[in-house]
Every structure is written in C-alpha cells, then in structure tokens.
Amino acid sequence: MTTEKLYQLIAADGTRITSTTPGLFGGYRKERRYGRLDCKVARRALQNGALYAQQRVFFADEATAIAAGYHPCPVCMNPTPKPRKRKKR
C-alpha cells in the first residue's frame, strides 16, 4: 500500500490547499516575496535559522504567487542581471 506525498500550497486568494504535485515556486510569508526553489538567498536563509522555514510557503505557479500578493525575489527572479564590473589593471 503506497500513499501519495501531499504538499501544502498557497492559492491565489491566500488560502492553503493540499496538492499531490509540489509547488514550482517558494515564498517567504513575512516579506511576501517569492522565487525559484533553488534561490541562493532562500537556501542560505534556510541554513541559518528555523524562523525562515516556519514562514516558508509554496506556489503552484508564478501567476498564483502574484495573485496572492507576493513580489518576485530580486536575486533569482531578476529579468535584467546587473552588468559585471570590469577589473582595473
């Protein structure tokens, strides 16, 4: 007997829903920010403290995160990367 793994996601209206598919985006409830699951800022925050993990939420897609009032992470969701600084010789 196998049971499917269930995931807690946030719907567009902010309610929690249970899904059999994991979310594609993670968010931080306190700052109402969302980003990719492999974001280096989120990984560092998860390693440094349990408070971030308690405030972590997940979304099925980007449109749902935006509809729930979350803003994109400036690090992993930045559409225009900063130009690299040239090294002085």
Protein backbone atom coordinates (compact mmCIF):
# COMPACT_ATOMS: atom_id res chain seq x y z
CA MET A 1 0.00 0.00 0.00
CA THR A 2 1.57 3.27 -1.11
CA THR A 3 0.33 6.69 -0.19
CA GLU A 4 0.95 9.74 -2.30
CA LYS A 5 3.02 12.53 -0.80
CA LEU A 6 0.90 15.62 -0.17
CA TYR A 7 2.14 19.19 -0.44
CA GLN A 8 0.75 22.36 1.13
CA LEU A 9 0.41 25.17 -1.43
CA ILE A 10 -0.96 28.69 -1.24
CA ALA A 11 -3.87 29.52 -3.56
CA ALA A 12 -4.41 32.87 -5.29
CA ASP A 13 -6.74 34.03 -2.51
CA GLY A 14 -4.13 33.17 0.16
CA THR A 15 -5.79 30.00 1.44
CA ARG A 16 -3.82 26.80 1.92
CA ILE A 17 -4.57 23.89 -0.37
CA THR A 18 -3.28 20.32 -0.40
CA SER A 19 -1.88 19.00 -3.66
CA THR A 20 -0.23 15.81 -4.88
CA THR A 21 2.20 17.87 -7.01
CA PRO A 22 4.89 20.05 -5.42
CA GLY A 23 4.97 23.78 -5.99
CA LEU A 24 7.28 25.32 -8.57
CA PHE A 25 7.97 28.46 -6.53
CA GLY A 26 8.76 29.08 -2.88
CA GLY A 27 7.95 32.19 -0.90
CA TYR A 28 8.67 33.94 2.38
CA ARG A 29 5.43 34.95 4.09
CA LYS A 30 6.98 37.67 6.29
CA GLU A 31 8.31 39.71 3.33
CA ARG A 32 5.67 38.48 0.82
CA ARG A 33 8.40 37.54 -1.64
CA TYR A 34 8.55 34.52 -3.97
CA GLY A 35 11.26 32.94 -6.07
CA ARG A 36 12.72 29.79 -7.54
CA LEU A 37 13.20 26.80 -5.27
CA ASP A 38 16.94 26.83 -5.92
CA CYS A 39 17.39 30.53 -4.99
CA LYS A 40 20.71 31.04 -3.20
CA VAL A 41 19.21 33.63 -0.83
CA ALA A 42 16.46 31.23 0.29
CA ARG A 43 18.89 28.32 0.70
CA ARG A 44 21.18 30.47 2.86
CA ALA A 45 18.23 31.65 4.98
CA LEU A 46 17.04 28.07 5.48
CA GLN A 47 20.50 27.04 6.68
CA ASN A 48 20.77 29.96 9.11
CA GLY A 49 17.54 29.66 11.02
CA ALA A 50 14.28 27.91 11.71
CA LEU A 51 12.27 31.15 11.57
CA TYR A 52 12.60 31.32 7.78
CA ALA A 53 11.46 27.70 7.45
CA GLN A 54 8.36 28.45 9.55
CA GLN A 55 7.46 31.35 7.24
CA ARG A 56 8.11 29.37 4.02
CA VAL A 57 5.19 28.93 1.60
CA PHE A 58 4.89 27.28 -1.82
CA PHE A 59 3.02 28.16 -5.02
CA ALA A 60 1.95 26.02 -7.97
CA ASP A 61 2.99 28.71 -10.47
CA GLU A 62 4.15 32.31 -10.75
CA ALA A 63 0.68 33.67 -11.56
CA THR A 64 -0.67 32.26 -8.29
CA ALA A 65 2.15 33.87 -6.30
CA ILE A 66 1.45 37.26 -7.88
CA ALA A 67 -2.32 36.91 -7.35
CA ALA A 68 -1.68 36.12 -3.66
CA GLY A 69 0.15 39.44 -3.34
CA TYR A 70 3.76 38.23 -3.39
CA HIS A 71 6.59 40.05 -5.17
CA PRO A 72 9.46 38.44 -7.12
CA CYS A 73 12.81 37.89 -5.45
CA PRO A 74 15.31 40.48 -6.72
CA VAL A 75 18.08 37.85 -6.85
CA CYS A 76 16.64 34.78 -8.58
CA MET A 77 13.72 36.36 -10.44
CA ASN A 78 15.55 39.43 -11.77
CA PRO A 79 14.87 39.65 -15.53
CA THR A 80 17.79 42.02 -16.15
CA PRO A 81 21.02 40.96 -14.46
CA LYS A 82 23.39 43.62 -13.20
CA PRO A 83 26.29 44.36 -15.54
CA ARG A 84 29.61 42.96 -14.42
CA LYS A 85 32.19 45.40 -13.19
CA ARG A 86 35.39 45.45 -15.17
CA LYS A 87 38.57 44.74 -13.28
CA LYS A 88 41.11 47.54 -13.21
CA ARG A 89 44.57 46.57 -14.34
